[in-house]
Amino acid sequence: LISLINALKFYKSRGYQEIEVPWIVSERAMLATKPPECRSMDVLDYGSLVASGEQSFIQMWLDGKLPDGKYCCCTPCFRDEK
């Protein structure tokens, strides 16, 4: 937990704004960074749980909800690591 707090402090000190991001994303956002050998963790018909904050930012961009600027976030990483 301390590492996450320190990472957020680091980025904020460099002008990044912490924002809330979605934890469930579309297949398109998921596929942008998901290795082909990994499974998506689907949530009913809503989408997939994120494996990285990048997927959350991609979803916001796809939805037209990511304004210009420098952002950071903290998300869980639901990953299929074999």
N, C-alpha and C. Protein backbone atom coordinates (compact mmCIF):
# COMPACT_ATOMS: atom_id res chain seq x y z
N LEU A 1 0.82 -1.19 0.00
CA LEU A 1 0.00 0.00 0.00
C LEU A 1 0.87 1.26 0.00
N ILE A 2 1.96 1.23 0.76
CA ILE A 2 2.85 2.39 0.84
C ILE A 2 3.43 2.70 -0.54
N SER A 3 3.76 1.66 -1.30
CA SER A 3 4.30 1.87 -2.65
C SER A 3 3.29 2.58 -3.55
N LEU A 4 2.02 2.21 -3.45
CA LEU A 4 0.99 2.85 -4.26
C LEU A 4 0.82 4.31 -3.86
N ILE A 5 0.82 4.57 -2.58
CA ILE A 5 0.70 5.95 -2.10
C ILE A 5 1.87 6.78 -2.58
N ASN A 6 3.07 6.22 -2.48
CA ASN A 6 4.27 6.94 -2.93
C ASN A 6 4.26 7.18 -4.43
N ALA A 7 3.76 6.21 -5.19
CA ALA A 7 3.68 6.38 -6.65
C ALA A 7 2.73 7.52 -7.00
N LEU A 8 1.57 7.57 -6.35
CA LEU A 8 0.62 8.65 -6.60
C LEU A 8 1.20 10.00 -6.21
N LYS A 9 1.89 10.06 -5.07
CA LYS A 9 2.53 11.31 -4.66
C LYS A 9 3.57 11.75 -5.69
N PHE A 10 4.35 10.81 -6.20
CA PHE A 10 5.37 11.11 -7.20
C PHE A 10 4.75 11.74 -8.44
N TYR A 11 3.72 11.10 -9.00
CA TYR A 11 3.10 11.62 -10.22
C TYR A 11 2.41 12.96 -9.97
N LYS A 12 1.75 13.09 -8.84
CA LYS A 12 1.10 14.37 -8.52
C LYS A 12 2.13 15.49 -8.40
N SER A 13 3.31 15.19 -7.86
CA SER A 13 4.36 16.20 -7.73
C SER A 13 4.92 16.64 -9.07
N ARG A 14 4.62 15.87 -10.10
CA ARG A 14 5.08 16.19 -11.45
C ARG A 14 3.94 16.69 -12.34
N GLY A 15 2.85 17.10 -11.72
CA GLY A 15 1.78 17.75 -12.46
C GLY A 15 0.65 16.86 -12.93
N TYR A 16 0.66 15.58 -12.55
CA TYR A 16 -0.42 14.69 -12.94
C TYR A 16 -1.57 14.85 -11.96
N GLN A 17 -2.79 14.74 -12.46
CA GLN A 17 -3.98 14.82 -11.62
C GLN A 17 -4.54 13.42 -11.45
N GLU A 18 -4.79 13.01 -10.22
CA GLU A 18 -5.38 11.70 -9.97
C GLU A 18 -6.87 11.77 -10.27
N ILE A 19 -7.36 10.82 -11.06
CA ILE A 19 -8.78 10.78 -11.39
C ILE A 19 -9.33 9.38 -11.18
N GLU A 20 -10.64 9.31 -10.98
CA GLU A 20 -11.34 8.03 -10.88
C GLU A 20 -11.54 7.50 -12.30
N VAL A 21 -11.31 6.22 -12.46
CA VAL A 21 -11.43 5.59 -13.77
C VAL A 21 -12.28 4.32 -13.65
N PRO A 22 -12.86 3.85 -14.76
CA PRO A 22 -13.69 2.65 -14.70
C PRO A 22 -12.87 1.39 -14.44
N TRP A 23 -13.45 0.47 -13.69
CA TRP A 23 -12.81 -0.82 -13.46
C TRP A 23 -13.36 -1.89 -14.39
N ILE A 24 -14.42 -1.58 -15.11
CA ILE A 24 -14.99 -2.49 -16.11
C ILE A 24 -14.92 -1.78 -17.45
N VAL A 25 -14.33 -2.46 -18.44
CA VAL A 25 -14.10 -1.83 -19.74
C VAL A 25 -14.62 -2.72 -20.86
N SER A 26 -14.75 -2.12 -22.04
CA SER A 26 -15.22 -2.84 -23.22
C SER A 26 -14.13 -3.77 -23.75
N GLU A 27 -14.54 -4.67 -24.61
CA GLU A 27 -13.59 -5.59 -25.25
C GLU A 27 -12.53 -4.81 -26.03
N ARG A 28 -12.95 -3.74 -26.69
CA ARG A 28 -12.01 -2.94 -27.47
C ARG A 28 -10.90 -2.34 -26.59
N ALA A 29 -11.27 -1.80 -25.45
CA ALA A 29 -10.27 -1.24 -24.52
C ALA A 29 -9.40 -2.35 -23.95
N MET A 30 -9.99 -3.48 -23.64
CA MET A 30 -9.24 -4.61 -23.08
C MET A 30 -8.21 -5.14 -24.07
N LEU A 31 -8.62 -5.30 -25.32
CA LEU A 31 -7.73 -5.89 -26.33
C LEU A 31 -6.54 -5.00 -26.68
N ALA A 32 -6.62 -3.72 -26.36
CA ALA A 32 -5.53 -2.80 -26.70
C ALA A 32 -4.23 -3.18 -26.00
N THR A 33 -4.33 -3.78 -24.81
CA THR A 33 -3.10 -4.11 -24.07
C THR A 33 -3.06 -5.55 -23.56
N LYS A 34 -4.09 -6.34 -23.79
CA LYS A 34 -4.14 -7.71 -23.26
C LYS A 34 -3.34 -8.65 -24.14
N PRO A 35 -2.39 -9.41 -23.54
CA PRO A 35 -1.68 -10.41 -24.33
C PRO A 35 -2.65 -11.46 -24.86
N PRO A 36 -2.44 -11.97 -26.06
CA PRO A 36 -3.39 -12.90 -26.68
C PRO A 36 -3.60 -14.19 -25.89
N GLU A 37 -2.62 -14.60 -25.10
CA GLU A 37 -2.75 -15.87 -24.38
C GLU A 37 -3.54 -15.74 -23.07
N CYS A 38 -3.91 -14.54 -22.69
CA CYS A 38 -4.64 -14.32 -21.44
C CYS A 38 -6.14 -14.20 -21.69
N ARG A 39 -6.91 -14.64 -20.70
CA ARG A 39 -8.37 -14.54 -20.79
C ARG A 39 -8.83 -13.21 -20.20
N SER A 40 -9.93 -12.71 -20.70
CA SER A 40 -10.58 -11.55 -20.08
C SER A 40 -11.44 -12.05 -18.92
N MET A 41 -11.58 -11.23 -17.91
CA MET A 41 -12.43 -11.57 -16.77
C MET A 41 -13.74 -10.82 -16.94
N ASP A 42 -14.67 -11.47 -17.63
CA ASP A 42 -15.93 -10.83 -18.00
C ASP A 42 -16.87 -10.68 -16.81
N VAL A 43 -17.65 -9.58 -16.84
CA VAL A 43 -18.64 -9.29 -15.81
C VAL A 43 -19.99 -9.21 -16.50
N LEU A 44 -20.70 -10.34 -16.47
CA LEU A 44 -22.00 -10.44 -17.14
C LEU A 44 -21.93 -9.83 -18.53
N ASP A 45 -22.85 -8.93 -18.87
CA ASP A 45 -22.83 -8.29 -20.19
C ASP A 45 -22.25 -6.89 -20.14
N TYR A 46 -21.57 -6.55 -19.04
CA TYR A 46 -21.08 -5.18 -18.86
C TYR A 46 -19.71 -4.94 -19.47
N GLY A 47 -18.88 -5.95 -19.60
CA GLY A 47 -17.53 -5.80 -20.10
C GLY A 47 -16.59 -6.69 -19.31
N SER A 48 -15.33 -6.25 -19.18
CA SER A 48 -14.32 -7.04 -18.48
C SER A 48 -13.66 -6.21 -17.39
N LEU A 49 -13.26 -6.87 -16.32
CA LEU A 49 -12.51 -6.22 -15.26
C LEU A 49 -11.13 -5.83 -15.79
N VAL A 50 -10.65 -4.67 -15.42
CA VAL A 50 -9.38 -4.17 -15.95
C VAL A 50 -8.19 -4.97 -15.44
N ALA A 51 -7.17 -5.06 -16.28
CA ALA A 51 -5.90 -5.66 -15.89
C ALA A 51 -4.84 -4.59 -15.71
N SER A 52 -5.20 -3.33 -16.01
CA SER A 52 -4.27 -2.21 -15.83
C SER A 52 -5.03 -0.90 -15.92
N GLY A 53 -4.46 0.13 -15.32
CA GLY A 53 -5.05 1.46 -15.41
C GLY A 53 -5.08 1.98 -16.84
N GLU A 54 -4.13 1.51 -17.67
CA GLU A 54 -4.11 1.94 -19.07
C GLU A 54 -5.41 1.59 -19.77
N GLN A 55 -5.96 0.41 -19.48
CA GLN A 55 -7.22 0.01 -20.10
C GLN A 55 -8.35 0.94 -19.67
N SER A 56 -8.31 1.40 -18.44
CA SER A 56 -9.32 2.34 -17.96
C SER A 56 -9.22 3.67 -18.71
N PHE A 57 -7.99 4.16 -18.89
CA PHE A 57 -7.80 5.40 -19.64
C PHE A 57 -8.24 5.23 -21.09
N ILE A 58 -7.95 4.10 -21.69
CA ILE A 58 -8.37 3.83 -23.08
C ILE A 58 -9.89 3.86 -23.17
N GLN A 59 -10.58 3.25 -22.18
CA GLN A 59 -12.05 3.26 -22.19
C GLN A 59 -12.58 4.67 -22.09
N MET A 60 -12.00 5.47 -21.22
CA MET A 60 -12.45 6.86 -21.09
C MET A 60 -12.24 7.62 -22.39
N TRP A 61 -11.11 7.37 -23.05
CA TRP A 61 -10.83 8.03 -24.33
C TRP A 61 -11.85 7.58 -25.38
N LEU A 62 -12.14 6.27 -25.44
CA LEU A 62 -13.13 5.76 -26.39
C LEU A 62 -14.51 6.38 -26.15
N ASP A 63 -14.83 6.62 -24.89
CA ASP A 63 -16.13 7.19 -24.52
C ASP A 63 -16.16 8.71 -24.63
N GLY A 64 -15.04 9.32 -25.02
CA GLY A 64 -14.97 10.78 -25.11
C GLY A 64 -15.00 11.46 -23.75
N LYS A 65 -14.55 10.76 -22.70
CA LYS A 65 -14.60 11.29 -21.34
C LYS A 65 -13.22 11.56 -20.75
N LEU A 66 -12.20 11.61 -21.59
CA LEU A 66 -10.84 11.87 -21.10
C LEU A 66 -10.38 13.20 -21.67
N PRO A 67 -10.50 14.27 -20.89
CA PRO A 67 -10.08 15.58 -21.38
C PRO A 67 -8.56 15.65 -21.51
N ASP A 68 -8.09 16.63 -22.26
CA ASP A 68 -6.65 16.83 -22.39
C ASP A 68 -6.05 17.07 -21.01
N GLY A 69 -4.87 16.58 -20.81
CA GLY A 69 -4.18 16.78 -19.54
C GLY A 69 -3.31 15.60 -19.19
N LYS A 70 -2.73 15.66 -18.01
CA LYS A 70 -1.86 14.61 -17.50
C LYS A 70 -2.54 13.98 -16.30
N TYR A 71 -2.78 12.68 -16.37
CA TYR A 71 -3.54 12.00 -15.34
C TYR A 71 -2.83 10.76 -14.82
N CYS A 72 -3.16 10.41 -13.59
CA CYS A 72 -2.73 9.14 -13.01
C CYS A 72 -3.94 8.52 -12.33
N CYS A 73 -3.86 7.22 -12.09
CA CYS A 73 -4.95 6.52 -11.42
C CYS A 73 -4.39 5.33 -10.67
N CYS A 74 -5.22 4.77 -9.84
CA CYS A 74 -4.87 3.54 -9.11
C CYS A 74 -6.03 2.58 -9.30
N THR A 75 -5.75 1.45 -9.93
CA THR A 75 -6.79 0.45 -10.17
C THR A 75 -6.31 -0.91 -9.71
N PRO A 76 -7.25 -1.83 -9.49
CA PRO A 76 -6.83 -3.22 -9.28
C PRO A 76 -6.34 -3.77 -10.62
N CYS A 77 -5.65 -4.85 -10.57
CA CYS A 77 -5.18 -5.51 -11.80
C CYS A 77 -5.71 -6.93 -11.80
N PHE A 78 -6.88 -7.10 -12.41
CA PHE A 78 -7.48 -8.42 -12.52
C PHE A 78 -6.84 -9.11 -13.72
N ARG A 79 -5.87 -10.00 -13.44
CA ARG A 79 -5.10 -10.61 -14.52
C ARG A 79 -5.19 -12.12 -14.49
N ASP A 80 -5.16 -12.69 -15.66
CA ASP A 80 -5.12 -14.13 -15.85
C ASP A 80 -3.64 -14.50 -16.05
N GLU A 81 -2.94 -14.65 -14.96
CA GLU A 81 -1.51 -15.01 -15.06
C GLU A 81 -1.36 -16.49 -14.78
N LYS A 82 -0.93 -17.19 -15.78
CA LYS A 82 -0.81 -18.65 -15.67
C LYS A 82 0.54 -19.04 -15.14
